[in-house]
Amino acid sequence: MFVDWDVKTISAADYTVEFRVTESMYEAFQDKYLDETNPISEIGQFRSYVKDEMESRLTEFPALGIDGPEGDAMPVKIAVITFAFFNYEIIHNLRRRG
C-alpha cells in the first residue's frame, strides 16, 4: 500500500544523487564529446553529457511494474544537474552561520 502511494505522489525533489566525477570520467568526456567550436561552455557541455548519459542508462533498467504494466516504462528524465567543486569551506561557513 505504501509503495503504491509513494509512486503516485513522487516529485522531482524526492531524488537527489551525489557522485564523484573522476579524472578518467572527465578525460573520456573531453576525448569523445567536447566540441571546442560549440558556443556552450565546457561545463555546460559536460552537464548535458552527464544528463544524457544518466537518462539513457537509467531508462534501460527494466520496468518493475510498480507504476503500471511492465511494458509501459516511461523514459527517465533528469530535471536539474548542479556541479559543486571543493565547496567544503562554504558548507562549513553556512553551518556555522546556522
PDB file of N, CA and C in Angstrom:
ATOM      1  N   MET A   1       0.828  -1.193   0.000  1.00  0.00           N
ATOM      2  CA  MET A   1       0.000   0.000   0.000  1.00  0.00           C
ATOM      3  C   MET A   1       0.874   1.259   0.000  1.00  0.00           C
ATOM      4  N   PHE A   2       1.931   1.276   0.812  1.00  0.00           N
ATOM      5  CA  PHE A   2       2.781   2.458   0.881  1.00  0.00           C
ATOM      6  C   PHE A   2       3.596   2.650  -0.390  1.00  0.00           C
ATOM      7  N   VAL A   3       4.024   1.549  -1.017  1.00  0.00           N
ATOM      8  CA  VAL A   3       4.777   1.652  -2.264  1.00  0.00           C
ATOM      9  C   VAL A   3       3.910   2.306  -3.325  1.00  0.00           C
ATOM     10  N   ASP A   4       2.658   1.885  -3.424  1.00  0.00           N
ATOM     11  CA  ASP A   4       1.732   2.462  -4.392  1.00  0.00           C
ATOM     12  C   ASP A   4       1.569   3.957  -4.139  1.00  0.00           C
ATOM     13  N   TRP A   5       1.409   4.371  -2.888  1.00  0.00           N
ATOM     14  CA  TRP A   5       1.259   5.782  -2.544  1.00  0.00           C
ATOM     15  C   TRP A   5       2.534   6.551  -2.903  1.00  0.00           C
ATOM     16  N   ASP A   6       3.693   5.987  -2.585  1.00  0.00           N
ATOM     17  CA  ASP A   6       4.968   6.648  -2.905  1.00  0.00           C
ATOM     18  C   ASP A   6       5.100   6.895  -4.407  1.00  0.00           C
ATOM     19  N   VAL A   7       4.788   5.887  -5.200  1.00  0.00           N
ATOM     20  CA  VAL A   7       4.929   6.007  -6.648  1.00  0.00           C
ATOM     21  C   VAL A   7       3.972   7.060  -7.196  1.00  0.00           C
ATOM     22  N   LYS A   8       2.777   7.130  -6.676  1.00  0.00           N
ATOM     23  CA  LYS A   8       1.778   8.064  -7.202  1.00  0.00           C
ATOM     24  C   LYS A   8       1.972   9.493  -6.718  1.00  0.00           C
ATOM     25  N   THR A   9       2.772   9.699  -5.694  1.00  0.00           N
ATOM     26  CA  THR A   9       2.953  11.052  -5.154  1.00  0.00           C
ATOM     27  C   THR A   9       4.394  11.543  -5.277  1.00  0.00           C
ATOM     28  N   ILE A  10       5.161  10.919  -6.096  1.00  0.00           N
ATOM     29  CA  ILE A  10       6.581  11.253  -6.212  1.00  0.00           C
ATOM     30  C   ILE A  10       6.773  12.575  -6.962  1.00  0.00           C
ATOM     31  N   SER A  11       7.798  13.298  -6.596  1.00  0.00           N
ATOM     32  CA  SER A  11       8.130  14.538  -7.299  1.00  0.00           C
ATOM     33  C   SER A  11       9.632  14.565  -7.554  1.00  0.00           C
ATOM     34  N   ALA A  12      10.051  15.530  -8.343  1.00  0.00           N
ATOM     35  CA  ALA A  12      11.475  15.648  -8.665  1.00  0.00           C
ATOM     36  C   ALA A  12      12.321  15.877  -7.422  1.00  0.00           C
ATOM     37  N   ALA A  13      11.768  16.495  -6.415  1.00  0.00           N
ATOM     38  CA  ALA A  13      12.527  16.779  -5.191  1.00  0.00           C
ATOM     39  C   ALA A  13      12.811  15.517  -4.379  1.00  0.00           C
ATOM     40  N   ASP A  14      12.175  14.414  -4.716  1.00  0.00           N
ATOM     41  CA  ASP A  14      12.373  13.176  -3.966  1.00  0.00           C
ATOM     42  C   ASP A  14      13.678  12.459  -4.311  1.00  0.00           C
ATOM     43  N   TYR A  15      14.342  12.884  -5.363  1.00  0.00           N
ATOM     44  CA  TYR A  15      15.561  12.200  -5.779  1.00  0.00           C
ATOM     45  C   TYR A  15      16.714  13.181  -5.907  1.00  0.00           C
ATOM     46  N   THR A  16      17.714  12.975  -5.122  1.00  0.00           N
ATOM     47  CA  THR A  16      18.967  13.706  -5.238  1.00  0.00           C
ATOM     48  C   THR A  16      20.072  12.672  -5.244  1.00  0.00           C
ATOM     49  N   VAL A  17      20.981  12.795  -6.181  1.00  0.00           N
ATOM     50  CA  VAL A  17      22.068  11.841  -6.316  1.00  0.00           C
ATOM     51  C   VAL A  17      23.375  12.611  -6.244  1.00  0.00           C
ATOM     52  N   GLU A  18      24.286  12.083  -5.481  1.00  0.00           N
ATOM     53  CA  GLU A  18      25.618  12.673  -5.407  1.00  0.00           C
ATOM     54  C   GLU A  18      26.618  11.632  -5.882  1.00  0.00           C
ATOM     55  N   PHE A  19      27.529  12.045  -6.745  1.00  0.00           N
ATOM     56  CA  PHE A  19      28.588  11.135  -7.171  1.00  0.00           C
ATOM     57  C   PHE A  19      29.823  11.952  -7.510  1.00  0.00           C
ATOM     58  N   ARG A  20      30.943  11.304  -7.393  1.00  0.00           N
ATOM     59  CA  ARG A  20      32.225  11.943  -7.701  1.00  0.00           C
ATOM     60  C   ARG A  20      32.531  11.797  -9.180  1.00  0.00           C
ATOM     61  N   VAL A  21      33.038  12.858  -9.748  1.00  0.00           N
ATOM     62  CA  VAL A  21      33.499  12.827 -11.132  1.00  0.00           C
ATOM     63  C   VAL A  21      35.001  12.602 -11.081  1.00  0.00           C
ATOM     64  N   THR A  22      35.423  11.452 -11.561  1.00  0.00           N
ATOM     65  CA  THR A  22      36.843  11.126 -11.534  1.00  0.00           C
ATOM     66  C   THR A  22      37.555  11.767 -12.730  1.00  0.00           C
ATOM     67  N   GLU A  23      38.855  11.835 -12.628  1.00  0.00           N
ATOM     68  CA  GLU A  23      39.633  12.379 -13.742  1.00  0.00           C
ATOM     69  C   GLU A  23      39.409  11.570 -15.013  1.00  0.00           C
ATOM     70  N   SER A  24      39.349  10.259 -14.885  1.00  0.00           N
ATOM     71  CA  SER A  24      39.164   9.425 -16.082  1.00  0.00           C
ATOM     72  C   SER A  24      37.794   9.666 -16.722  1.00  0.00           C
ATOM     73  N   MET A  25      36.762   9.916 -15.908  1.00  0.00           N
ATOM     74  CA  MET A  25      35.438  10.220 -16.452  1.00  0.00           C
ATOM     75  C   MET A  25      35.485  11.527 -17.247  1.00  0.00           C
ATOM     76  N   TYR A  26      36.126  12.523 -16.669  1.00  0.00           N
ATOM     77  CA  TYR A  26      36.180  13.822 -17.336  1.00  0.00           C
ATOM     78  C   TYR A  26      37.051  13.756 -18.591  1.00  0.00           C
ATOM     79  N   GLU A  27      38.137  13.006 -18.531  1.00  0.00           N
ATOM     80  CA  GLU A  27      39.003  12.848 -19.698  1.00  0.00           C
ATOM     81  C   GLU A  27      38.261  12.138 -20.838  1.00  0.00           C
ATOM     82  N   ALA A  28      37.430  11.154 -20.497  1.00  0.00           N
ATOM     83  CA  ALA A  28      36.621  10.474 -21.522  1.00  0.00           C
ATOM     84  C   ALA A  28      35.673  11.459 -22.190  1.00  0.00           C
ATOM     85  N   PHE A  29      35.060  12.340 -21.396  1.00  0.00           N
ATOM     86  CA  PHE A  29      34.184  13.383 -21.953  1.00  0.00           C
ATOM     87  C   PHE A  29      34.987  14.286 -22.886  1.00  0.00           C
ATOM     88  N   GLN A  30      36.162  14.731 -22.431  1.00  0.00           N
ATOM     89  CA  GLN A  30      36.974  15.633 -23.251  1.00  0.00           C
ATOM     90  C   GLN A  30      37.401  14.972 -24.557  1.00  0.00           C
ATOM     91  N   ASP A  31      37.781  13.706 -24.492  1.00  0.00           N
ATOM     92  CA  ASP A  31      38.266  13.000 -25.683  1.00  0.00           C
ATOM     93  C   ASP A  31      37.160  12.717 -26.694  1.00  0.00           C
ATOM     94  N   LYS A  32      35.956  12.386 -26.209  1.00  0.00           N
ATOM     95  CA  LYS A  32      34.912  11.903 -27.105  1.00  0.00           C
ATOM     96  C   LYS A  32      33.803  12.905 -27.405  1.00  0.00           C
ATOM     97  N   TYR A  33      33.537  13.846 -26.501  1.00  0.00           N
ATOM     98  CA  TYR A  33      32.332  14.654 -26.646  1.00  0.00           C
ATOM     99  C   TYR A  33      32.550  16.168 -26.667  1.00  0.00           C
ATOM    100  N   LEU A  34      33.616  16.642 -26.092  1.00  0.00           N
ATOM    101  CA  LEU A  34      33.835  18.088 -26.022  1.00  0.00           C
ATOM    102  C   LEU A  34      34.028  18.655 -27.422  1.00  0.00           C
ATOM    103  N   ASP A  35      33.274  19.715 -27.723  1.00  0.00           N
ATOM    104  CA  ASP A  35      33.361  20.389 -29.021  1.00  0.00           C
ATOM    105  C   ASP A  35      33.834  21.812 -28.772  1.00  0.00           C
ATOM    106  N   GLU A  36      35.088  22.071 -29.093  1.00  0.00           N
ATOM    107  CA  GLU A  36      35.696  23.389 -28.850  1.00  0.00           C
ATOM    108  C   GLU A  36      35.001  24.491 -29.640  1.00  0.00           C
ATOM    109  N   THR A  37      34.317  24.149 -30.741  1.00  0.00           N
ATOM    110  CA  THR A  37      33.645  25.165 -31.554  1.00  0.00           C
ATOM    111  C   THR A  37      32.230  25.456 -31.070  1.00  0.00           C
ATOM    112  N   ASN A  38      31.742  24.681 -30.128  1.00  0.00           N
ATOM    113  CA  ASN A  38      30.396  24.860 -29.593  1.00  0.00           C
ATOM    114  C   ASN A  38      30.362  26.116 -28.725  1.00  0.00           C
ATOM    115  N   PRO A  39      29.366  26.991 -28.917  1.00  0.00           N
ATOM    116  CA  PRO A  39      29.297  28.201 -28.092  1.00  0.00           C
ATOM    117  C   PRO A  39      28.925  27.917 -26.627  1.00  0.00           C
ATOM    118  N   ILE A  40      28.445  26.719 -26.340  1.00  0.00           N
ATOM    119  CA  ILE A  40      28.133  26.344 -24.959  1.00  0.00           C
ATOM    120  C   ILE A  40      29.451  26.100 -24.234  1.00  0.00           C
ATOM    121  N   SER A  41      29.553  26.588 -23.005  1.00  0.00           N
ATOM    122  CA  SER A  41      30.790  26.440 -22.242  1.00  0.00           C
ATOM    123  C   SER A  41      31.127  24.960 -22.029  1.00  0.00           C
ATOM    124  N   GLU A  42      32.372  24.717 -21.655  1.00  0.00           N
ATOM    125  CA  GLU A  42      32.810  23.337 -21.415  1.00  0.00           C
ATOM    126  C   GLU A  42      31.986  22.693 -20.301  1.00  0.00           C
ATOM    127  N   ILE A  43      31.746  23.422 -19.221  1.00  0.00           N
ATOM    128  CA  ILE A  43      30.956  22.854 -18.118  1.00  0.00           C
ATOM    129  C   ILE A  43      29.508  22.633 -18.560  1.00  0.00           C
ATOM    130  N   GLY A  44      28.988  23.510 -19.428  1.00  0.00           N
ATOM    131  CA  GLY A  44      27.639  23.316 -19.960  1.00  0.00           C
ATOM    132  C   GLY A  44      27.543  22.065 -20.812  1.00  0.00           C
ATOM    133  N   GLN A  45      28.569  21.834 -21.632  1.00  0.00           N
ATOM    134  CA  GLN A  45      28.609  20.623 -22.442  1.00  0.00           C
ATOM    135  C   GLN A  45      28.740  19.389 -21.555  1.00  0.00           C
ATOM    136  N   PHE A  46      29.537  19.493 -20.505  1.00  0.00           N
ATOM    137  CA  PHE A  46      29.703  18.360 -19.594  1.00  0.00           C
ATOM    138  C   PHE A  46      28.385  18.054 -18.881  1.00  0.00           C
ATOM    139  N   ARG A  47      27.676  19.098 -18.458  1.00  0.00           N
ATOM    140  CA  ARG A  47      26.374  18.910 -17.804  1.00  0.00           C
ATOM    141  C   ARG A  47      25.410  18.184 -18.748  1.00  0.00           C
ATOM    142  N   SER A  48      25.370  18.587 -20.004  1.00  0.00           N
ATOM    143  CA  SER A  48      24.492  17.926 -20.983  1.00  0.00           C
ATOM    144  C   SER A  48      24.907  16.473 -21.200  1.00  0.00           C
ATOM    145  N   TYR A  49      26.217  16.250 -21.257  1.00  0.00           N
ATOM    146  CA  TYR A  49      26.737  14.894 -21.430  1.00  0.00           C
ATOM    147  C   TYR A  49      26.318  13.991 -20.270  1.00  0.00           C
ATOM    148  N   VAL A  50      26.506  14.466 -19.034  1.00  0.00           N
ATOM    149  CA  VAL A  50      26.149  13.673 -17.854  1.00  0.00           C
ATOM    150  C   VAL A  50      24.640  13.413 -17.835  1.00  0.00           C
ATOM    151  N   LYS A  51      23.845  14.435 -18.117  1.00  0.00           N
ATOM    152  CA  LYS A  51      22.389  14.291 -18.136  1.00  0.00           C
ATOM    153  C   LYS A  51      21.966  13.248 -19.170  1.00  0.00           C
ATOM    154  N   ASP A  52      22.476  13.367 -20.388  1.00  0.00           N
ATOM    155  CA  ASP A  52      22.114  12.422 -21.449  1.00  0.00           C
ATOM    156  C   ASP A  52      22.533  10.993 -21.102  1.00  0.00           C
ATOM    157  N   GLU A  53      23.742  10.834 -20.580  1.00  0.00           N
ATOM    158  CA  GLU A  53      24.233   9.502 -20.207  1.00  0.00           C
ATOM    159  C   GLU A  53      23.385   8.889 -19.096  1.00  0.00           C
ATOM    160  N   MET A  54      23.082   9.676 -18.065  1.00  0.00           N
ATOM    161  CA  MET A  54      22.301   9.146 -16.948  1.00  0.00           C
ATOM    162  C   MET A  54      20.880   8.810 -17.378  1.00  0.00           C
ATOM    163  N   GLU A  55      20.246   9.694 -18.141  1.00  0.00           N
ATOM    164  CA  GLU A  55      18.888   9.405 -18.606  1.00  0.00           C
ATOM    165  C   GLU A  55      18.861   8.131 -19.447  1.00  0.00           C
ATOM    166  N   SER A  56      19.823   7.992 -20.341  1.00  0.00           N
ATOM    167  CA  SER A  56      19.874   6.819 -21.204  1.00  0.00           C
ATOM    168  C   SER A  56      20.084   5.534 -20.400  1.00  0.00           C
ATOM    169  N   ARG A  57      21.053   5.560 -19.509  1.00  0.00           N
ATOM    170  CA  ARG A  57      21.360   4.357 -18.729  1.00  0.00           C
ATOM    171  C   ARG A  57      20.234   3.991 -17.766  1.00  0.00           C
ATOM    172  N   LEU A  58      19.624   4.984 -17.130  1.00  0.00           N
ATOM    173  CA  LEU A  58      18.535   4.693 -16.183  1.00  0.00           C
ATOM    174  C   LEU A  58      17.281   4.214 -16.894  1.00  0.00           C
ATOM    175  N   THR A  59      17.032   4.733 -18.089  1.00  0.00           N
ATOM    176  CA  THR A  59      15.868   4.290 -18.858  1.00  0.00           C
ATOM    177  C   THR A  59      16.014   2.830 -19.277  1.00  0.00           C
ATOM    178  N   GLU A  60      17.245   2.359 -19.439  1.00  0.00           N
ATOM    179  CA  GLU A  60      17.485   0.973 -19.843  1.00  0.00           C
ATOM    180  C   GLU A  60      17.169  -0.049 -18.754  1.00  0.00           C
ATOM    181  N   PHE A  61      17.068   0.399 -17.497  1.00  0.00           N
ATOM    182  CA  PHE A  61      16.727  -0.547 -16.432  1.00  0.00           C
ATOM    183  C   PHE A  61      15.347  -1.117 -16.694  1.00  0.00           C
ATOM    184  N   PRO A  62      15.135  -2.382 -16.385  1.00  0.00           N
ATOM    185  CA  PRO A  62      13.821  -2.987 -16.639  1.00  0.00           C
ATOM    186  C   PRO A  62      12.741  -2.379 -15.741  1.00  0.00           C
ATOM    187  N   ALA A  63      11.544  -2.252 -16.309  1.00  0.00           N
ATOM    188  CA  ALA A  63      10.402  -1.768 -15.535  1.00  0.00           C
ATOM    189  C   ALA A  63      10.031  -2.816 -14.489  1.00  0.00           C
ATOM    190  N   LEU A  64       9.656  -2.360 -13.313  1.00  0.00           N
ATOM    191  CA  LEU A  64       9.295  -3.271 -12.226  1.00  0.00           C
ATOM    192  C   LEU A  64       7.788  -3.477 -12.125  1.00  0.00           C
ATOM    193  N   GLY A  65       7.030  -2.739 -12.922  1.00  0.00           N
ATOM    194  CA  GLY A  65       5.585  -2.877 -12.890  1.00  0.00           C
ATOM    195  C   GLY A  65       4.934  -2.153 -11.722  1.00  0.00           C
ATOM    196  N   ILE A  66       5.685  -1.351 -10.987  1.00  0.00           N
ATOM    197  CA  ILE A  66       5.141  -0.647  -9.825  1.00  0.00           C
ATOM    198  C   ILE A  66       4.239   0.498 -10.251  1.00  0.00           C
ATOM    199  N   ASP A  67       4.634   1.223 -11.301  1.00  0.00           N
ATOM    200  CA  ASP A  67       3.850   2.383 -11.718  1.00  0.00           C
ATOM    201  C   ASP A  67       3.032   2.112 -12.978  1.00  0.00           C
ATOM    202  N   GLY A  68       2.696   0.865 -13.196  1.00  0.00           N
ATOM    203  CA  GLY A  68       1.869   0.489 -14.341  1.00  0.00           C
ATOM    204  C   GLY A  68       2.372  -0.813 -14.917  1.00  0.00           C
ATOM    205  N   PRO A  69       1.760  -1.278 -15.998  1.00  0.00           N
ATOM    206  CA  PRO A  69       2.198  -2.529 -16.616  1.00  0.00           C
ATOM    207  C   PRO A  69       3.676  -2.459 -17.008  1.00  0.00           C
ATOM    208  N   GLU A  70       4.351  -3.582 -16.907  1.00  0.00           N
ATOM    209  CA  GLU A  70       5.796  -3.613 -17.152  1.00  0.00           C
ATOM    210  C   GLU A  70       6.170  -3.126 -18.543  1.00  0.00           C
ATOM    211  N   GLY A  71       5.326  -3.274 -19.519  1.00  0.00           N
ATOM    212  CA  GLY A  71       5.643  -2.840 -20.874  1.00  0.00           C
ATOM    213  C   GLY A  71       5.518  -1.343 -21.075  1.00  0.00           C
ATOM    214  N   ASP A  72       4.972  -0.628 -20.098  1.00  0.00           N
ATOM    215  CA  ASP A  72       4.707   0.802 -20.241  1.00  0.00           C
ATOM    216  C   ASP A  72       5.734   1.669 -19.520  1.00  0.00           C
ATOM    217  N   ALA A  73       6.988   1.270 -19.506  1.00  0.00           N
ATOM    218  CA  ALA A  73       8.017   2.036 -18.803  1.00  0.00           C
ATOM    219  C   ALA A  73       8.197   3.397 -19.468  1.00  0.00           C
ATOM    220  N   MET A  74       8.246   4.429 -18.651  1.00  0.00           N
ATOM    221  CA  MET A  74       8.449   5.789 -19.125  1.00  0.00           C
ATOM    222  C   MET A  74       9.944   6.087 -19.128  1.00  0.00           C
ATOM    223  N   PRO A  75      10.405   6.894 -20.076  1.00  0.00           N
ATOM    224  CA  PRO A  75      11.821   7.257 -20.065  1.00  0.00           C
ATOM    225  C   PRO A  75      12.147   8.102 -18.832  1.00  0.00           C
ATOM    226  N   VAL A  76      13.324   7.918 -18.280  1.00  0.00           N
ATOM    227  CA  VAL A  76      13.773   8.700 -17.134  1.00  0.00           C
ATOM    228  C   VAL A  76      14.189  10.075 -17.636  1.00  0.00           C
ATOM    229  N   LYS A  77      13.727  11.117 -16.941  1.00  0.00           N
ATOM    230  CA  LYS A  77      14.097  12.490 -17.274  1.00  0.00           C
ATOM    231  C   LYS A  77      14.705  13.142 -16.041  1.00  0.00           C
ATOM    232  N   ILE A  78      15.828  13.805 -16.208  1.00  0.00           N
ATOM    233  CA  ILE A  78      16.512  14.499 -15.127  1.00  0.00           C
ATOM    234  C   ILE A  78      16.199  15.980 -15.252  1.00  0.00           C
ATOM    235  N   ALA A  79      15.727  16.567 -14.159  1.00  0.00           N
ATOM    236  CA  ALA A  79      15.313  17.962 -14.184  1.00  0.00           C
ATOM    237  C   ALA A  79      16.489  18.920 -14.067  1.00  0.00           C
ATOM    238  N   VAL A  80      17.370  18.705 -13.117  1.00  0.00           N
ATOM    239  CA  VAL A  80      18.444  19.657 -12.846  1.00  0.00           C
ATOM    240  C   VAL A  80      19.717  18.911 -12.474  1.00  0.00           C
ATOM    241  N   ILE A  81      20.819  19.387 -12.987  1.00  0.00           N
ATOM    242  CA  ILE A  81      22.129  18.890 -12.566  1.00  0.00           C
ATOM    243  C   ILE A  81      22.920  20.093 -12.077  1.00  0.00           C
ATOM    244  N   THR A  82      23.470  19.974 -10.898  1.00  0.00           N
ATOM    245  CA  THR A  82      24.295  21.031 -10.323  1.00  0.00           C
ATOM    246  C   THR A  82      25.639  20.430  -9.960  1.00  0.00           C
ATOM    247  N   PHE A  83      26.690  21.084 -10.380  1.00  0.00           N
ATOM    248  CA  PHE A  83      28.028  20.632 -10.033  1.00  0.00           C
ATOM    249  C   PHE A  83      28.587  21.525  -8.935  1.00  0.00           C
ATOM    250  N   ALA A  84      29.273  20.915  -7.996  1.00  0.00           N
ATOM    251  CA  ALA A  84      29.930  21.649  -6.917  1.00  0.00           C
ATOM    252  C   ALA A  84      31.373  21.169  -6.842  1.00  0.00           C
ATOM    253  N   PHE A  85      32.282  22.101  -6.733  1.00  0.00           N
ATOM    254  CA  PHE A  85      33.694  21.764  -6.718  1.00  0.00           C
ATOM    255  C   PHE A  85      34.345  22.308  -5.464  1.00  0.00           C
ATOM    256  N   PHE A  86      34.899  21.427  -4.665  1.00  0.00           N
ATOM    257  CA  PHE A  86      35.660  21.830  -3.480  1.00  0.00           C
ATOM    258  C   PHE A  86      34.917  22.901  -2.674  1.00  0.00           C
ATOM    259  N   ASN A  87      33.677  22.625  -2.337  1.00  0.00           N
ATOM    260  CA  ASN A  87      32.875  23.620  -1.633  1.00  0.00           C
ATOM    261  C   ASN A  87      32.758  23.356  -0.138  1.00  0.00           C
ATOM    262  N   TYR A  88      33.675  22.594   0.419  1.00  0.00           N
ATOM    263  CA  TYR A  88      33.597  22.250   1.838  1.00  0.00           C
ATOM    264  C   TYR A  88      33.700  23.487   2.729  1.00  0.00           C
ATOM    265  N   GLU A  89      34.469  24.498   2.326  1.00  0.00           N
ATOM    266  CA  GLU A  89      34.578  25.711   3.148  1.00  0.00           C
ATOM    267  C   GLU A  89      33.256  26.466   3.185  1.00  0.00           C
ATOM    268  N   ILE A  90      32.595  26.561   2.066  1.00  0.00           N
ATOM    269  CA  ILE A  90      31.299  27.245   2.015  1.00  0.00           C
ATOM    270  C   ILE A  90      30.292  26.520   2.895  1.00  0.00           C
ATOM    271  N   ILE A  91      30.241  25.200   2.790  1.00  0.00           N
ATOM    272  CA  ILE A  91      29.308  24.417   3.603  1.00  0.00           C
ATOM    273  C   ILE A  91      29.621  24.597   5.084  1.00  0.00           C
ATOM    274  N   HIS A  92      30.889  24.563   5.442  1.00  0.00           N
ATOM    275  CA  HIS A  92      31.292  24.764   6.847  1.00  0.00           C
ATOM    276  C   HIS A  92      30.836  26.136   7.346  1.00  0.00           C
ATOM    277  N   ASN A  93      31.055  27.179   6.568  1.00  0.00           N
ATOM    278  CA  ASN A  93      30.647  28.529   6.978  1.00  0.00           C
ATOM    279  C   ASN A  93      29.131  28.663   7.077  1.00  0.00           C
ATOM    280  N   LEU A  94      28.404  28.028   6.164  1.00  0.00           N
ATOM    281  CA  LEU A  94      26.945  28.075   6.238  1.00  0.00           C
ATOM    282  C   LEU A  94      26.432  27.358   7.485  1.00  0.00           C
ATOM    283  N   ARG A  95      27.068  26.254   7.848  1.00  0.00           N
ATOM    284  CA  ARG A  95      26.681  25.543   9.082  1.00  0.00           C
ATOM    285  C   ARG A  95      26.933  26.420  10.308  1.00  0.00           C
ATOM    286  N   ARG A  96      28.078  27.105  10.324  1.00  0.00           N
ATOM    287  CA  ARG A  96      28.395  27.971  11.462  1.00  0.00           C
ATOM    288  C   ARG A  96      27.386  29.110  11.560  1.00  0.00           C
ATOM    289  N   ARG A  97      26.978  29.630  10.427  1.00  0.00           N
ATOM    290  CA  ARG A  97      26.014  30.724  10.389  1.00  0.00           C
ATOM    291  C   ARG A  97      24.629  30.262  10.869  1.00  0.00           C
ATOM    292  N   GLY A  98      24.357  28.982  10.654  1.00  0.00           N
ATOM    293  CA  GLY A  98      23.057  28.444  11.102  1.00  0.00           C
ATOM    294  C   GLY A  98      22.099  28.427   9.994  1.00  0.00           C
TER     295      GLY A  98
END
